[in-house]
Amino acid sequence: MFRMTQLSTLVYKYVMKKKFSSLFLLLFILSCASPKVVNVYGPNDSSLSCEELSNEIAIANEYANKAQEAKKMNKPHNIGAAILFFPGYGISMKNIDEATKAANERSLHLTKIKEKKNC
């Protein structure tokens, strides 16, 4: 039969393993950057009014800015990726570049529609 000190030691080790596992899992999850990659072409883009087109362009530009903001090295997902899974850092940067490119292309697409409508 276990004595009380042995039991408390086992409980302590179990609790510490749980805390360490939880911390590791949290850092691993944070190590993945996932800015939203927008669709360049929307199904109703050509039917939008001039004001709606301007709003959509602003939203696309905001997505591009958020993606570029996620690229900074002081962000938790970049630090976690560099520490825990270095190839994850490269994957995150690729995702950020894709999100920025898609947002910029959407903005350009909407601007062309806006010009065709003489807005």
Protein backbone atom coordinates (compact mmCIF):
# COMPACT_ATOMS: atom_id res chain seq x y z
CA MET A 1 0.00 0.00 0.00
CA PHE A 2 1.21 3.50 -0.82
CA ARG A 3 2.16 5.84 1.89
CA MET A 4 0.75 9.35 1.78
CA THR A 5 4.00 10.92 0.52
CA GLN A 6 4.26 8.45 -2.35
CA LEU A 7 0.66 9.14 -3.32
CA SER A 8 1.14 12.91 -3.21
CA THR A 9 4.28 12.55 -5.34
CA LEU A 10 2.36 10.56 -7.94
CA VAL A 11 -0.45 13.12 -7.98
CA TYR A 12 2.07 15.95 -8.31
CA LYS A 13 3.78 14.25 -11.26
CA TYR A 14 0.43 13.62 -12.93
CA VAL A 15 -0.64 17.25 -12.51
CA MET A 16 2.69 18.54 -13.82
CA LYS A 17 2.48 16.27 -16.88
CA LYS A 18 -1.02 17.61 -17.59
CA LYS A 19 0.14 21.23 -17.25
CA PHE A 20 3.16 20.66 -19.47
CA SER A 21 1.06 18.86 -22.07
CA SER A 22 -1.53 21.64 -22.07
CA LEU A 23 1.14 24.33 -22.44
CA PHE A 24 2.81 22.42 -25.28
CA LEU A 25 -0.50 21.95 -27.07
CA LEU A 26 -1.34 25.64 -26.71
CA LEU A 27 2.03 26.70 -28.14
CA PHE A 28 1.66 24.22 -30.99
CA ILE A 29 -1.77 25.58 -31.90
CA LEU A 30 -0.52 29.16 -31.75
CA SER A 31 2.37 28.29 -34.05
CA CYS A 32 0.08 28.16 -37.09
CA ALA A 33 -0.69 31.47 -38.78
CA SER A 34 -3.91 31.43 -40.69
CA PRO A 35 -4.87 34.77 -42.17
CA LYS A 36 -8.00 34.49 -44.26
CA VAL A 37 -7.42 33.86 -47.95
CA VAL A 38 -10.31 35.62 -49.69
CA ASN A 39 -11.89 34.59 -52.97
CA VAL A 40 -10.79 36.92 -55.76
CA TYR A 41 -14.08 36.66 -57.62
CA GLY A 42 -17.43 36.82 -55.85
CA PRO A 43 -20.64 35.48 -57.42
CA ASN A 44 -22.40 38.85 -57.22
CA ASP A 45 -19.51 41.23 -57.81
CA SER A 46 -20.85 42.67 -61.05
CA SER A 47 -24.25 43.40 -59.50
CA LEU A 48 -22.87 45.42 -56.59
CA SER A 49 -23.56 49.16 -56.43
CA CYS A 50 -20.74 51.71 -56.43
CA GLU A 51 -20.97 52.12 -52.66
CA GLU A 52 -20.97 48.36 -52.10
CA LEU A 53 -17.95 48.02 -54.37
CA SER A 54 -16.11 50.65 -52.34
CA ASN A 55 -16.97 48.78 -49.14
CA GLU A 56 -15.77 45.49 -50.60
CA ILE A 57 -12.50 47.10 -51.72
CA ALA A 58 -11.99 48.44 -48.18
CA ILE A 59 -12.64 44.97 -46.74
CA ALA A 60 -10.16 43.38 -49.18
CA ASN A 61 -7.53 45.97 -48.25
CA GLU A 62 -8.17 45.27 -44.56
CA TYR A 63 -7.56 41.54 -45.13
CA ALA A 64 -4.28 42.36 -46.90
CA ASN A 65 -3.21 44.60 -44.01
CA LYS A 66 -4.09 41.93 -41.43
CA ALA A 67 -2.10 39.35 -43.38
CA GLN A 68 0.93 41.61 -43.51
CA GLU A 69 0.55 42.31 -39.79
CA ALA A 70 0.65 38.54 -39.14
CA LYS A 71 4.01 38.39 -40.92
CA LYS A 72 5.83 40.25 -38.14
CA MET A 73 8.19 38.06 -36.15
CA ASN A 74 6.97 39.29 -32.75
CA LYS A 75 3.55 37.64 -33.22
CA PRO A 76 2.89 34.57 -31.02
CA HIS A 77 2.18 32.24 -33.93
CA ASN A 78 5.53 33.09 -35.55
CA ILE A 79 7.46 32.65 -32.32
CA GLY A 80 5.71 29.34 -31.65
CA ALA A 81 6.37 28.14 -35.19
CA ALA A 82 10.05 29.06 -35.00
CA ILE A 83 10.49 27.34 -31.63
CA LEU A 84 8.30 24.25 -31.95
CA PHE A 85 8.16 23.43 -35.64
CA PHE A 86 10.51 25.46 -37.83
CA PRO A 87 9.02 24.23 -41.14
CA GLY A 88 5.71 25.54 -39.76
CA TYR A 89 7.20 29.03 -39.88
CA GLY A 90 7.81 28.64 -43.63
CA ILE A 91 4.32 27.30 -44.15
CA SER A 92 2.88 30.24 -42.20
CA MET A 93 4.82 32.72 -44.35
CA LYS A 94 3.56 31.01 -47.51
CA ASN A 95 -0.03 31.22 -46.23
CA ILE A 96 0.42 34.90 -45.39
CA ASP A 97 1.77 35.60 -48.88
CA GLU A 98 -1.18 33.78 -50.46
CA ALA A 99 -3.64 35.74 -48.33
CA THR A 100 -2.00 39.06 -49.23
CA LYS A 101 -1.92 38.23 -52.94
CA ALA A 102 -5.56 37.12 -52.98
CA ALA A 103 -6.72 40.24 -51.11
CA ASN A 104 -4.78 42.50 -53.48
CA GLU A 105 -6.16 40.69 -56.54
CA ARG A 106 -9.70 41.02 -55.16
CA SER A 107 -9.20 44.72 -54.64
CA LEU A 108 -7.91 45.09 -58.22
CA HIS A 109 -10.82 43.02 -59.60
CA LEU A 110 -13.37 45.17 -57.76
CA THR A 111 -11.63 48.36 -58.89
CA LYS A 112 -11.93 47.24 -62.53
CA ILE A 113 -15.67 46.62 -62.06
CA LYS A 114 -15.98 50.01 -60.45
CA GLU A 115 -14.28 51.64 -63.44
CA LYS A 116 -16.57 49.83 -65.89
CA LYS A 117 -19.56 51.23 -64.00
CA ASN A 118 -18.05 54.74 -64.09
CA CYS A 119 -18.17 55.09 -60.32
